[in-house]
């Protein structure tokens, strides 16, 4: 399962240096084997703040991603939010297109906006 984390900057955050955020996010996710994905353009209607700027991303390759890893990442992000950023999580549990993962009250049973995991 591919697991993608997209980091959307909050309104007063101005991190426009890719290498700086690469190391910042690598440190933040040091317990997970993630790959730097650079910048990504995200649908403005899916963002928390309507801003016309790219977001940064890290991902776990589909050969290493599974439901247990997704659960751990969701728990980590919920308990330790990255300062200055909203984190969006996408995954493709069935090998198809990625879907946005939403949090419910029980972290161990995530659900998506579309099909269930």
PDB file of N, CA and C in Angstrom:
ATOM      1  N   UNK A   1       0.843  -1.175   0.000  1.00  0.00           N
ATOM      2  CA  UNK A   1       0.000   0.000   0.000  1.00  0.00           C
ATOM      3  C   UNK A   1       0.891   1.242   0.000  1.00  0.00           C
ATOM      4  N   UNK A   2       0.674   2.128  -0.960  1.00  0.00           N
ATOM      5  CA  UNK A   2       1.382   3.399  -0.993  1.00  0.00           C
ATOM      6  C   UNK A   2       0.761   4.316   0.057  1.00  0.00           C
ATOM      7  N   UNK A   3       1.588   4.939   0.880  1.00  0.00           N
ATOM      8  CA  UNK A   3       1.125   5.879   1.900  1.00  0.00           C
ATOM      9  C   UNK A   3       1.832   7.203   1.647  1.00  0.00           C
ATOM     10  N   UNK A   4       1.043   8.249   1.372  1.00  0.00           N
ATOM     11  CA  UNK A   4       1.598   9.566   1.050  1.00  0.00           C
ATOM     12  C   UNK A   4       1.181  10.565   2.125  1.00  0.00           C
ATOM     13  N   UNK A   5       2.149  11.316   2.633  1.00  0.00           N
ATOM     14  CA  UNK A   5       1.878  12.380   3.593  1.00  0.00           C
ATOM     15  C   UNK A   5       2.162  13.706   2.904  1.00  0.00           C
ATOM     16  N   UNK A   6       1.170  14.584   2.900  1.00  0.00           N
ATOM     17  CA  UNK A   6       1.310  15.894   2.271  1.00  0.00           C
ATOM     18  C   UNK A   6       1.238  16.942   3.368  1.00  0.00           C
ATOM     19  N   UNK A   7       2.198  17.842   3.367  1.00  0.00           N
ATOM     20  CA  UNK A   7       2.318  18.862   4.404  1.00  0.00           C
ATOM     21  C   UNK A   7       1.918  20.222   3.836  1.00  0.00           C
ATOM     22  N   UNK A   8       0.803  20.730   4.336  1.00  0.00           N
ATOM     23  CA  UNK A   8       0.281  22.028   3.909  1.00  0.00           C
ATOM     24  C   UNK A   8       0.692  23.091   4.931  1.00  0.00           C
ATOM     25  N   UNK A   9       1.408  24.134   4.503  1.00  0.00           N
ATOM     26  CA  UNK A   9       1.830  25.157   5.456  1.00  0.00           C
ATOM     27  C   UNK A   9       0.650  25.971   5.982  1.00  0.00           C
ATOM     28  N   UNK A  10       0.731  26.328   7.247  1.00  0.00           N
ATOM     29  CA  UNK A  10      -0.259  27.212   7.855  1.00  0.00           C
ATOM     30  C   UNK A  10      -0.048  28.622   7.292  1.00  0.00           C
ATOM     31  N   UNK A  11      -1.025  29.526   7.446  1.00  0.00           N
ATOM     32  CA  UNK A  11      -0.959  30.848   6.803  1.00  0.00           C
ATOM     33  C   UNK A  11       0.308  31.659   7.068  1.00  0.00           C
ATOM     34  N   UNK A  12       0.861  31.637   8.251  1.00  0.00           N
ATOM     35  CA  UNK A  12       2.024  32.477   8.545  1.00  0.00           C
ATOM     36  C   UNK A  12       3.359  31.744   8.421  1.00  0.00           C
ATOM     37  N   UNK A  13       3.336  30.558   7.839  1.00  0.00           N
ATOM     38  CA  UNK A  13       4.567  29.781   7.671  1.00  0.00           C
ATOM     39  C   UNK A  13       5.093  30.010   6.263  1.00  0.00           C
ATOM     40  N   UNK A  14       6.362  30.352   6.167  1.00  0.00           N
ATOM     41  CA  UNK A  14       6.968  30.600   4.873  1.00  0.00           C
ATOM     42  C   UNK A  14       8.235  29.763   4.757  1.00  0.00           C
ATOM     43  N   UNK A  15       8.067  28.502   4.448  1.00  0.00           N
ATOM     44  CA  UNK A  15       9.202  27.595   4.238  1.00  0.00           C
ATOM     45  C   UNK A  15       9.323  27.374   2.744  1.00  0.00           C
ATOM     46  N   UNK A  16      10.159  28.158   2.094  1.00  0.00           N
ATOM     47  CA  UNK A  16      10.276  28.060   0.646  1.00  0.00           C
ATOM     48  C   UNK A  16      11.640  27.516   0.232  1.00  0.00           C
ATOM     49  N   UNK A  17      12.254  26.757   1.098  1.00  0.00           N
ATOM     50  CA  UNK A  17      13.540  26.154   0.789  1.00  0.00           C
ATOM     51  C   UNK A  17      13.374  24.642   0.881  1.00  0.00           C
ATOM     52  N   UNK A  18      13.374  23.993  -0.267  1.00  0.00           N
ATOM     53  CA  UNK A  18      13.068  22.561  -0.338  1.00  0.00           C
ATOM     54  C   UNK A  18      13.967  21.707   0.544  1.00  0.00           C
ATOM     55  N   UNK A  19      15.271  21.959   0.509  1.00  0.00           N
ATOM     56  CA  UNK A  19      16.211  21.143   1.294  1.00  0.00           C
ATOM     57  C   UNK A  19      15.943  21.274   2.789  1.00  0.00           C
ATOM     58  N   UNK A  20      15.597  22.487   3.231  1.00  0.00           N
ATOM     59  CA  UNK A  20      15.308  22.676   4.643  1.00  0.00           C
ATOM     60  C   UNK A  20      14.108  21.820   5.060  1.00  0.00           C
ATOM     61  N   UNK A  21      13.035  21.857   4.269  1.00  0.00           N
ATOM     62  CA  UNK A  21      11.860  21.079   4.647  1.00  0.00           C
ATOM     63  C   UNK A  21      12.121  19.583   4.486  1.00  0.00           C
ATOM     64  N   UNK A  22      12.934  19.195   3.529  1.00  0.00           N
ATOM     65  CA  UNK A  22      13.279  17.777   3.378  1.00  0.00           C
ATOM     66  C   UNK A  22      13.872  17.241   4.684  1.00  0.00           C
ATOM     67  N   UNK A  23      14.812  17.962   5.263  1.00  0.00           N
ATOM     68  CA  UNK A  23      15.446  17.504   6.507  1.00  0.00           C
ATOM     69  C   UNK A  23      14.510  17.645   7.705  1.00  0.00           C
ATOM     70  N   UNK A  24      13.699  18.694   7.713  1.00  0.00           N
ATOM     71  CA  UNK A  24      12.721  18.900   8.788  1.00  0.00           C
ATOM     72  C   UNK A  24      11.726  17.735   8.818  1.00  0.00           C
ATOM     73  N   UNK A  25      11.199  17.363   7.653  1.00  0.00           N
ATOM     74  CA  UNK A  25      10.210  16.283   7.596  1.00  0.00           C
ATOM     75  C   UNK A  25      10.853  14.916   7.831  1.00  0.00           C
ATOM     76  N   UNK A  26      12.094  14.748   7.400  1.00  0.00           N
ATOM     77  CA  UNK A  26      12.796  13.492   7.657  1.00  0.00           C
ATOM     78  C   UNK A  26      12.985  13.294   9.163  1.00  0.00           C
ATOM     79  N   UNK A  27      13.332  14.357   9.853  1.00  0.00           N
ATOM     80  CA  UNK A  27      13.487  14.297  11.300  1.00  0.00           C
ATOM     81  C   UNK A  27      12.143  14.017  11.975  1.00  0.00           C
ATOM     82  N   UNK A  28      11.093  14.703  11.534  1.00  0.00           N
ATOM     83  CA  UNK A  28       9.750  14.523  12.098  1.00  0.00           C
ATOM     84  C   UNK A  28       9.283  13.071  11.955  1.00  0.00           C
ATOM     85  N   UNK A  29       9.583  12.450  10.827  1.00  0.00           N
ATOM     86  CA  UNK A  29       9.132  11.079  10.558  1.00  0.00           C
ATOM     87  C   UNK A  29      10.261  10.060  10.705  1.00  0.00           C
ATOM     88  N   UNK A  30      11.205  10.330  11.577  1.00  0.00           N
ATOM     89  CA  UNK A  30      12.394   9.478  11.690  1.00  0.00           C
ATOM     90  C   UNK A  30      12.088   8.045  12.122  1.00  0.00           C
ATOM     91  N   UNK A  31      10.939   7.804  12.731  1.00  0.00           N
ATOM     92  CA  UNK A  31      10.566   6.437  13.127  1.00  0.00           C
ATOM     93  C   UNK A  31      10.024   5.621  11.959  1.00  0.00           C
ATOM     94  N   UNK A  32       9.834   6.256  10.812  1.00  0.00           N
ATOM     95  CA  UNK A  32       9.259   5.593   9.647  1.00  0.00           C
ATOM     96  C   UNK A  32      10.226   5.673   8.476  1.00  0.00           C
ATOM     97  N   UNK A  33      10.198   4.679   7.626  1.00  0.00           N
ATOM     98  CA  UNK A  33      11.079   4.625   6.457  1.00  0.00           C
ATOM     99  C   UNK A  33      10.391   5.328   5.289  1.00  0.00           C
ATOM    100  N   UNK A  34      10.486   6.667   5.269  1.00  0.00           N
ATOM    101  CA  UNK A  34       9.816   7.438   4.225  1.00  0.00           C
ATOM    102  C   UNK A  34      10.803   7.881   3.159  1.00  0.00           C
ATOM    103  N   UNK A  35      10.262   8.247   2.013  1.00  0.00           N
ATOM    104  CA  UNK A  35      11.037   8.753   0.886  1.00  0.00           C
ATOM    105  C   UNK A  35      10.602  10.183   0.616  1.00  0.00           C
ATOM    106  N   UNK A  36      11.563  11.069   0.376  1.00  0.00           N
ATOM    107  CA  UNK A  36      11.269  12.463   0.053  1.00  0.00           C
ATOM    108  C   UNK A  36      10.635  12.521  -1.323  1.00  0.00           C
ATOM    109  N   UNK A  37       9.512  13.234  -1.434  1.00  0.00           N
ATOM    110  CA  UNK A  37       8.815  13.341  -2.706  1.00  0.00           C
ATOM    111  C   UNK A  37       8.820  14.742  -3.293  1.00  0.00           C
ATOM    112  N   UNK A  38       9.473  15.695  -2.619  1.00  0.00           N
ATOM    113  CA  UNK A  38       9.523  17.055  -3.142  1.00  0.00           C
ATOM    114  C   UNK A  38       8.206  17.776  -2.970  1.00  0.00           C
ATOM    115  N   UNK A  39       7.903  18.668  -3.919  1.00  0.00           N
ATOM    116  CA  UNK A  39       6.662  19.434  -3.835  1.00  0.00           C
ATOM    117  C   UNK A  39       5.566  18.771  -4.649  1.00  0.00           C
ATOM    118  N   UNK A  40       4.346  19.070  -4.281  1.00  0.00           N
ATOM    119  CA  UNK A  40       3.185  18.538  -4.982  1.00  0.00           C
ATOM    120  C   UNK A  40       2.098  19.607  -4.955  1.00  0.00           C
ATOM    121  N   UNK A  41       1.358  19.721  -6.038  1.00  0.00           N
ATOM    122  CA  UNK A  41       0.226  20.639  -6.084  1.00  0.00           C
ATOM    123  C   UNK A  41      -0.994  19.861  -5.637  1.00  0.00           C
ATOM    124  N   UNK A  42      -1.721  20.434  -4.706  1.00  0.00           N
ATOM    125  CA  UNK A  42      -2.885  19.773  -4.124  1.00  0.00           C
ATOM    126  C   UNK A  42      -4.129  20.586  -4.454  1.00  0.00           C
ATOM    127  N   UNK A  43      -5.243  19.919  -4.664  1.00  0.00           N
ATOM    128  CA  UNK A  43      -6.514  20.585  -4.930  1.00  0.00           C
ATOM    129  C   UNK A  43      -6.821  21.569  -3.796  1.00  0.00           C
ATOM    130  N   UNK A  44      -7.049  22.821  -4.129  1.00  0.00           N
ATOM    131  CA  UNK A  44      -7.299  23.838  -3.106  1.00  0.00           C
ATOM    132  C   UNK A  44      -8.524  23.538  -2.256  1.00  0.00           C
ATOM    133  N   UNK A  45      -9.487  22.831  -2.797  1.00  0.00           N
ATOM    134  CA  UNK A  45     -10.689  22.512  -2.031  1.00  0.00           C
ATOM    135  C   UNK A  45     -10.436  21.393  -1.023  1.00  0.00           C
ATOM    136  N   UNK A  46      -9.324  20.672  -1.179  1.00  0.00           N
ATOM    137  CA  UNK A  46      -8.961  19.621  -0.224  1.00  0.00           C
ATOM    138  C   UNK A  46      -8.050  20.160   0.875  1.00  0.00           C
ATOM    139  N   UNK A  47      -7.585  21.379   0.707  1.00  0.00           N
ATOM    140  CA  UNK A  47      -6.683  21.983   1.689  1.00  0.00           C
ATOM    141  C   UNK A  47      -7.463  22.596   2.845  1.00  0.00           C
ATOM    142  N   UNK A  48      -6.770  22.776   3.946  1.00  0.00           N
ATOM    143  CA  UNK A  48      -7.354  23.476   5.091  1.00  0.00           C
ATOM    144  C   UNK A  48      -7.424  24.974   4.801  1.00  0.00           C
ATOM    145  N   UNK A  49      -6.392  25.497   4.136  1.00  0.00           N
ATOM    146  CA  UNK A  49      -6.325  26.921   3.807  1.00  0.00           C
ATOM    147  C   UNK A  49      -6.260  27.056   2.291  1.00  0.00           C
ATOM    148  N   UNK A  50      -7.063  27.934   1.747  1.00  0.00           N
ATOM    149  CA  UNK A  50      -7.112  28.134   0.301  1.00  0.00           C
ATOM    150  C   UNK A  50      -5.956  29.040  -0.116  1.00  0.00           C
ATOM    151  N   UNK A  51      -4.825  28.416  -0.436  1.00  0.00           N
ATOM    152  CA  UNK A  51      -3.630  29.147  -0.853  1.00  0.00           C
ATOM    153  C   UNK A  51      -3.094  28.508  -2.116  1.00  0.00           C
ATOM    154  N   UNK A  52      -2.650  29.334  -3.027  1.00  0.00           N
ATOM    155  CA  UNK A  52      -2.144  28.832  -4.304  1.00  0.00           C
ATOM    156  C   UNK A  52      -0.636  28.623  -4.233  1.00  0.00           C
ATOM    157  N   UNK A  53      -0.241  27.664  -3.441  1.00  0.00           N
ATOM    158  CA  UNK A  53       1.179  27.329  -3.369  1.00  0.00           C
ATOM    159  C   UNK A  53       1.308  25.822  -3.193  1.00  0.00           C
ATOM    160  N   UNK A  54       2.414  25.268  -3.651  1.00  0.00           N
ATOM    161  CA  UNK A  54       2.596  23.820  -3.538  1.00  0.00           C
ATOM    162  C   UNK A  54       2.827  23.386  -2.093  1.00  0.00           C
ATOM    163  N   UNK A  55       2.594  22.127  -1.862  1.00  0.00           N
ATOM    164  CA  UNK A  55       2.840  21.514  -0.559  1.00  0.00           C
ATOM    165  C   UNK A  55       4.024  20.563  -0.703  1.00  0.00           C
ATOM    166  N   UNK A  56       4.566  20.129   0.417  1.00  0.00           N
ATOM    167  CA  UNK A  56       5.651  19.155   0.404  1.00  0.00           C
ATOM    168  C   UNK A  56       5.088  17.770   0.675  1.00  0.00           C
ATOM    169  N   UNK A  57       5.826  16.747   0.259  1.00  0.00           N
ATOM    170  CA  UNK A  57       5.345  15.386   0.470  1.00  0.00           C
ATOM    171  C   UNK A  57       6.475  14.424   0.813  1.00  0.00           C
ATOM    172  N   UNK A  58       6.112  13.410   1.574  1.00  0.00           N
ATOM    173  CA  UNK A  58       6.957  12.239   1.827  1.00  0.00           C
ATOM    174  C   UNK A  58       6.035  11.044   1.634  1.00  0.00           C
ATOM    175  N   UNK A  59       6.596   9.901   1.273  1.00  0.00           N
ATOM    176  CA  UNK A  59       5.749   8.736   1.065  1.00  0.00           C
ATOM    177  C   UNK A  59       6.466   7.457   1.478  1.00  0.00           C
ATOM    178  N   UNK A  60       5.668   6.433   1.691  1.00  0.00           N
ATOM    179  CA  UNK A  60       6.173   5.081   1.932  1.00  0.00           C
ATOM    180  C   UNK A  60       5.784   4.268   0.715  1.00  0.00           C
ATOM    181  N   UNK A  61       6.777   3.685   0.084  1.00  0.00           N
ATOM    182  CA  UNK A  61       6.529   2.921  -1.139  1.00  0.00           C
ATOM    183  C   UNK A  61       5.566   1.774  -0.887  1.00  0.00           C
ATOM    184  N   UNK A  62       4.832   1.404  -1.919  1.00  0.00           N
ATOM    185  CA  UNK A  62       3.801   0.372  -1.773  1.00  0.00           C
ATOM    186  C   UNK A  62       4.372  -0.975  -1.342  1.00  0.00           C
ATOM    187  N   UNK A  63       5.629  -1.248  -1.656  1.00  0.00           N
ATOM    188  CA  UNK A  63       6.218  -2.526  -1.249  1.00  0.00           C
ATOM    189  C   UNK A  63       6.480  -2.584   0.254  1.00  0.00           C
ATOM    190  N   UNK A  64       6.528  -1.407   0.920  1.00  0.00           N
ATOM    191  CA  UNK A  64       6.791  -1.357   2.360  1.00  0.00           C
ATOM    192  C   UNK A  64       5.592  -0.918   3.182  1.00  0.00           C
ATOM    193  N   UNK A  65       4.553  -0.395   2.533  1.00  0.00           N
ATOM    194  CA  UNK A  65       3.393   0.118   3.253  1.00  0.00           C
ATOM    195  C   UNK A  65       2.345  -0.961   3.490  1.00  0.00           C
ATOM    196  N   UNK A  66       1.784  -0.984   4.683  1.00  0.00           N
ATOM    197  CA  UNK A  66       0.692  -1.909   5.000  1.00  0.00           C
ATOM    198  C   UNK A  66      -0.240  -1.233   6.002  1.00  0.00           C
ATOM    199  N   UNK A  67      -1.312  -1.922   6.358  1.00  0.00           N
ATOM    200  CA  UNK A  67      -2.298  -1.334   7.260  1.00  0.00           C
ATOM    201  C   UNK A  67      -1.694  -0.994   8.620  1.00  0.00           C
ATOM    202  N   UNK A  68      -0.813  -1.837   9.138  1.00  0.00           N
ATOM    203  CA  UNK A  68      -0.190  -1.572  10.437  1.00  0.00           C
ATOM    204  C   UNK A  68       0.639  -0.288  10.388  1.00  0.00           C
ATOM    205  N   UNK A  69       1.387  -0.082   9.306  1.00  0.00           N
ATOM    206  CA  UNK A  69       2.188   1.135   9.152  1.00  0.00           C
ATOM    207  C   UNK A  69       1.289   2.356   9.037  1.00  0.00           C
ATOM    208  N   UNK A  70       0.214   2.237   8.270  1.00  0.00           N
ATOM    209  CA  UNK A  70      -0.738   3.340   8.144  1.00  0.00           C
ATOM    210  C   UNK A  70      -1.325   3.700   9.508  1.00  0.00           C
ATOM    211  N   UNK A  71      -1.707   2.703  10.288  1.00  0.00           N
ATOM    212  CA  UNK A  71      -2.247   2.960  11.627  1.00  0.00           C
ATOM    213  C   UNK A  71      -1.237   3.679  12.512  1.00  0.00           C
ATOM    214  N   UNK A  72       0.023   3.248  12.456  1.00  0.00           N
ATOM    215  CA  UNK A  72       1.069   3.873  13.272  1.00  0.00           C
ATOM    216  C   UNK A  72       1.296   5.323  12.859  1.00  0.00           C
ATOM    217  N   UNK A  73       1.322   5.580  11.561  1.00  0.00           N
ATOM    218  CA  UNK A  73       1.515   6.945  11.070  1.00  0.00           C
ATOM    219  C   UNK A  73       0.343   7.823  11.483  1.00  0.00           C
ATOM    220  N   UNK A  74      -0.868   7.309  11.344  1.00  0.00           N
ATOM    221  CA  UNK A  74      -2.041   8.089  11.726  1.00  0.00           C
ATOM    222  C   UNK A  74      -2.012   8.428  13.213  1.00  0.00           C
ATOM    223  N   UNK A  75      -1.657   7.459  14.022  1.00  0.00           N
ATOM    224  CA  UNK A  75      -1.573   7.693  15.461  1.00  0.00           C
ATOM    225  C   UNK A  75      -0.491   8.731  15.769  1.00  0.00           C
ATOM    226  N   UNK A  76       0.658   8.598  15.119  1.00  0.00           N
ATOM    227  CA  UNK A  76       1.777   9.521  15.341  1.00  0.00           C
ATOM    228  C   UNK A  76       1.402  10.953  14.948  1.00  0.00           C
ATOM    229  N   UNK A  77       0.816  11.118  13.773  1.00  0.00           N
ATOM    230  CA  UNK A  77       0.457  12.449  13.280  1.00  0.00           C
ATOM    231  C   UNK A  77      -0.606  13.085  14.173  1.00  0.00           C
ATOM    232  N   UNK A  78      -1.558  12.278  14.621  1.00  0.00           N
ATOM    233  CA  UNK A  78      -2.610  12.820  15.480  1.00  0.00           C
ATOM    234  C   UNK A  78      -2.056  13.241  16.843  1.00  0.00           C
ATOM    235  N   UNK A  79      -1.141  12.466  17.391  1.00  0.00           N
ATOM    236  CA  UNK A  79      -0.592  12.770  18.711  1.00  0.00           C
ATOM    237  C   UNK A  79       0.562  13.775  18.667  1.00  0.00           C
ATOM    238  N   UNK A  80       1.241  13.889  17.513  1.00  0.00           N
ATOM    239  CA  UNK A  80       2.404  14.772  17.371  1.00  0.00           C
ATOM    240  C   UNK A  80       2.296  15.591  16.083  1.00  0.00           C
ATOM    241  N   UNK A  81       1.358  16.516  16.010  1.00  0.00           N
ATOM    242  CA  UNK A  81       1.230  17.279  14.760  1.00  0.00           C
ATOM    243  C   UNK A  81       2.497  18.097  14.477  1.00  0.00           C
ATOM    244  N   UNK A  82       2.853  18.202  13.215  1.00  0.00           N
ATOM    245  CA  UNK A  82       4.039  18.974  12.833  1.00  0.00           C
ATOM    246  C   UNK A  82       3.732  20.462  13.001  1.00  0.00           C
ATOM    247  N   UNK A  83       4.562  21.155  13.731  1.00  0.00           N
ATOM    248  CA  UNK A  83       4.361  22.584  13.992  1.00  0.00           C
ATOM    249  C   UNK A  83       4.351  23.363  12.685  1.00  0.00           C
ATOM    250  N   UNK A  84       3.306  24.153  12.481  1.00  0.00           N
ATOM    251  CA  UNK A  84       3.219  25.016  11.314  1.00  0.00           C
ATOM    252  C   UNK A  84       2.628  24.377  10.076  1.00  0.00           C
ATOM    253  N   UNK A  85       2.221  23.113  10.158  1.00  0.00           N
ATOM    254  CA  UNK A  85       1.737  22.413   8.968  1.00  0.00           C
ATOM    255  C   UNK A  85       0.517  21.560   9.298  1.00  0.00           C
ATOM    256  N   UNK A  86      -0.387  21.471   8.336  1.00  0.00           N
ATOM    257  CA  UNK A  86      -1.475  20.502   8.387  1.00  0.00           C
ATOM    258  C   UNK A  86      -1.020  19.312   7.567  1.00  0.00           C
ATOM    259  N   UNK A  87      -1.130  18.123   8.119  1.00  0.00           N
ATOM    260  CA  UNK A  87      -0.700  16.916   7.412  1.00  0.00           C
ATOM    261  C   UNK A  87      -1.911  16.199   6.837  1.00  0.00           C
ATOM    262  N   UNK A  88      -1.864  15.950   5.540  1.00  0.00           N
ATOM    263  CA  UNK A  88      -2.905  15.194   4.846  1.00  0.00           C
ATOM    264  C   UNK A  88      -2.313  13.822   4.524  1.00  0.00           C
ATOM    265  N   UNK A  89      -3.090  12.774   4.728  1.00  0.00           N
ATOM    266  CA  UNK A  89      -2.607  11.414   4.478  1.00  0.00           C
ATOM    267  C   UNK A  89      -3.462  10.782   3.392  1.00  0.00           C
ATOM    268  N   UNK A  90      -2.775  10.220   2.396  1.00  0.00           N
ATOM    269  CA  UNK A  90      -3.432   9.510   1.304  1.00  0.00           C
ATOM    270  C   UNK A  90      -2.847   8.107   1.235  1.00  0.00           C
ATOM    271  N   UNK A  91      -3.653   7.140   0.822  1.00  0.00           N
ATOM    272  CA  UNK A  91      -3.172   5.762   0.667  1.00  0.00           C
ATOM    273  C   UNK A  91      -4.002   5.071  -0.410  1.00  0.00           C
ATOM    274  N   UNK A  92      -3.471   3.989  -0.930  1.00  0.00           N
ATOM    275  CA  UNK A  92      -4.220   3.174  -1.892  1.00  0.00           C
ATOM    276  C   UNK A  92      -4.305   1.744  -1.360  1.00  0.00           C
ATOM    277  N   UNK A  93      -5.231   1.493  -0.452  1.00  0.00           N
ATOM    278  CA  UNK A  93      -5.301   0.195   0.225  1.00  0.00           C
ATOM    279  C   UNK A  93      -5.544  -0.995  -0.704  1.00  0.00           C
ATOM    280  N   UNK A  94      -6.192  -0.756  -1.815  1.00  0.00           N
ATOM    281  CA  UNK A  94      -6.497  -1.870  -2.723  1.00  0.00           C
ATOM    282  C   UNK A  94      -5.654  -1.829  -3.990  1.00  0.00           C
ATOM    283  N   UNK A  95      -4.626  -0.983  -3.984  1.00  0.00           N
ATOM    284  CA  UNK A  95      -3.742  -0.915  -5.142  1.00  0.00           C
ATOM    285  C   UNK A  95      -4.245  -0.004  -6.242  1.00  0.00           C
ATOM    286  N   UNK A  96      -5.393   0.618  -6.080  1.00  0.00           N
ATOM    287  CA  UNK A  96      -5.931   1.524  -7.091  1.00  0.00           C
ATOM    288  C   UNK A  96      -5.459   2.941  -6.851  1.00  0.00           C
ATOM    289  N   UNK A  97      -6.348   3.888  -7.111  1.00  0.00           N
ATOM    290  CA  UNK A  97      -6.025   5.290  -6.884  1.00  0.00           C
ATOM    291  C   UNK A  97      -5.923   5.586  -5.392  1.00  0.00           C
ATOM    292  N   UNK A  98      -5.121   6.571  -5.063  1.00  0.00           N
ATOM    293  CA  UNK A  98      -4.995   6.989  -3.662  1.00  0.00           C
ATOM    294  C   UNK A  98      -6.274   7.685  -3.227  1.00  0.00           C
ATOM    295  N   UNK A  99      -6.652   7.462  -1.976  1.00  0.00           N
ATOM    296  CA  UNK A  99      -7.803   8.140  -1.388  1.00  0.00           C
ATOM    297  C   UNK A  99      -7.341   8.845  -0.121  1.00  0.00           C
ATOM    298  N   UNK A 100      -8.000   9.942   0.197  1.00  0.00           N
ATOM    299  CA  UNK A 100      -7.644  10.683   1.407  1.00  0.00           C
ATOM    300  C   UNK A 100      -8.128   9.899   2.619  1.00  0.00           C
ATOM    301  N   UNK A 101      -7.257   9.773   3.598  1.00  0.00           N
ATOM    302  CA  UNK A 101      -7.584   9.061   4.832  1.00  0.00           C
ATOM    303  C   UNK A 101      -8.034  10.095   5.860  1.00  0.00           C
ATOM    304  N   UNK A 102      -9.173   9.857   6.447  1.00  0.00           N
ATOM    305  CA  UNK A 102      -9.709  10.738   7.491  1.00  0.00           C
ATOM    306  C   UNK A 102      -9.566  10.038   8.830  1.00  0.00           C
ATOM    307  N   UNK A 103      -9.508  10.814   9.888  1.00  0.00           N
ATOM    308  CA  UNK A 103      -9.408  10.256  11.235  1.00  0.00           C
ATOM    309  C   UNK A 103     -10.797  10.202  11.858  1.00  0.00           C
ATOM    310  N   UNK A 104     -11.089   9.086  12.517  1.00  0.00           N
ATOM    311  CA  UNK A 104     -12.282   9.043  13.348  1.00  0.00           C
ATOM    312  C   UNK A 104     -11.830   8.914  14.792  1.00  0.00           C
ATOM    313  N   UNK A 105     -12.722   8.689  15.712  1.00  0.00           N
ATOM    314  CA  UNK A 105     -12.348   8.631  17.124  1.00  0.00           C
ATOM    315  C   UNK A 105     -11.470   7.438  17.466  1.00  0.00           C
ATOM    316  N   UNK A 106     -11.558   6.378  16.704  1.00  0.00           N
ATOM    317  CA  UNK A 106     -10.777   5.175  16.959  1.00  0.00           C
ATOM    318  C   UNK A 106      -9.679   5.086  15.904  1.00  0.00           C
ATOM    319  N   UNK A 107      -8.466   5.454  16.265  1.00  0.00           N
ATOM    320  CA  UNK A 107      -7.351   5.521  15.314  1.00  0.00           C
ATOM    321  C   UNK A 107      -7.080   4.180  14.648  1.00  0.00           C
ATOM    322  N   UNK A 108      -7.283   3.092  15.328  1.00  0.00           N
ATOM    323  CA  UNK A 108      -6.943   1.791  14.766  1.00  0.00           C
ATOM    324  C   UNK A 108      -7.903   1.325  13.673  1.00  0.00           C
ATOM    325  N   UNK A 109      -8.993   2.043  13.482  1.00  0.00           N
ATOM    326  CA  UNK A 109      -9.911   1.691  12.408  1.00  0.00           C
ATOM    327  C   UNK A 109     -10.157   2.912  11.539  1.00  0.00           C
ATOM    328  N   UNK A 110      -9.164   3.271  10.709  1.00  0.00           N
ATOM    329  CA  UNK A 110      -9.319   4.462   9.859  1.00  0.00           C
ATOM    330  C   UNK A 110     -10.386   4.230   8.798  1.00  0.00           C
ATOM    331  N   UNK A 111     -10.959   5.286   8.330  1.00  0.00           N
ATOM    332  CA  UNK A 111     -11.869   5.192   7.205  1.00  0.00           C
ATOM    333  C   UNK A 111     -11.506   6.253   6.202  1.00  0.00           C
ATOM    334  N   UNK A 112     -12.018   6.100   4.999  1.00  0.00           N
ATOM    335  CA  UNK A 112     -11.714   7.049   3.951  1.00  0.00           C
ATOM    336  C   UNK A 112     -12.972   7.802   3.571  1.00  0.00           C
ATOM    337  N   UNK A 113     -12.803   8.817   2.745  1.00  0.00           N
ATOM    338  CA  UNK A 113     -13.960   9.569   2.273  1.00  0.00           C
ATOM    339  C   UNK A 113     -14.734   8.746   1.250  1.00  0.00           C
ATOM    340  N   UNK A 114     -14.086   7.782   0.634  1.00  0.00           N
ATOM    341  CA  UNK A 114     -14.728   6.942  -0.367  1.00  0.00           C
ATOM    342  C   UNK A 114     -14.909   5.544   0.167  1.00  0.00           C
ATOM    343  N   UNK A 115     -14.191   4.618  -0.432  1.00  0.00           N
ATOM    344  CA  UNK A 115     -14.293   3.233  -0.020  1.00  0.00           C
ATOM    345  C   UNK A 115     -13.518   3.000   1.269  1.00  0.00           C
ATOM    346  N   UNK A 116     -13.923   2.005   2.026  1.00  0.00           N
ATOM    347  CA  UNK A 116     -13.242   1.684   3.276  1.00  0.00           C
ATOM    348  C   UNK A 116     -11.936   0.964   3.039  1.00  0.00           C
ATOM    349  N   UNK A 117     -11.107   0.971   4.034  1.00  0.00           N
ATOM    350  CA  UNK A 117      -9.818   0.265   3.950  1.00  0.00           C
ATOM    351  C   UNK A 117     -10.005  -1.143   4.462  1.00  0.00           C
TER     352      UNK A 117
END
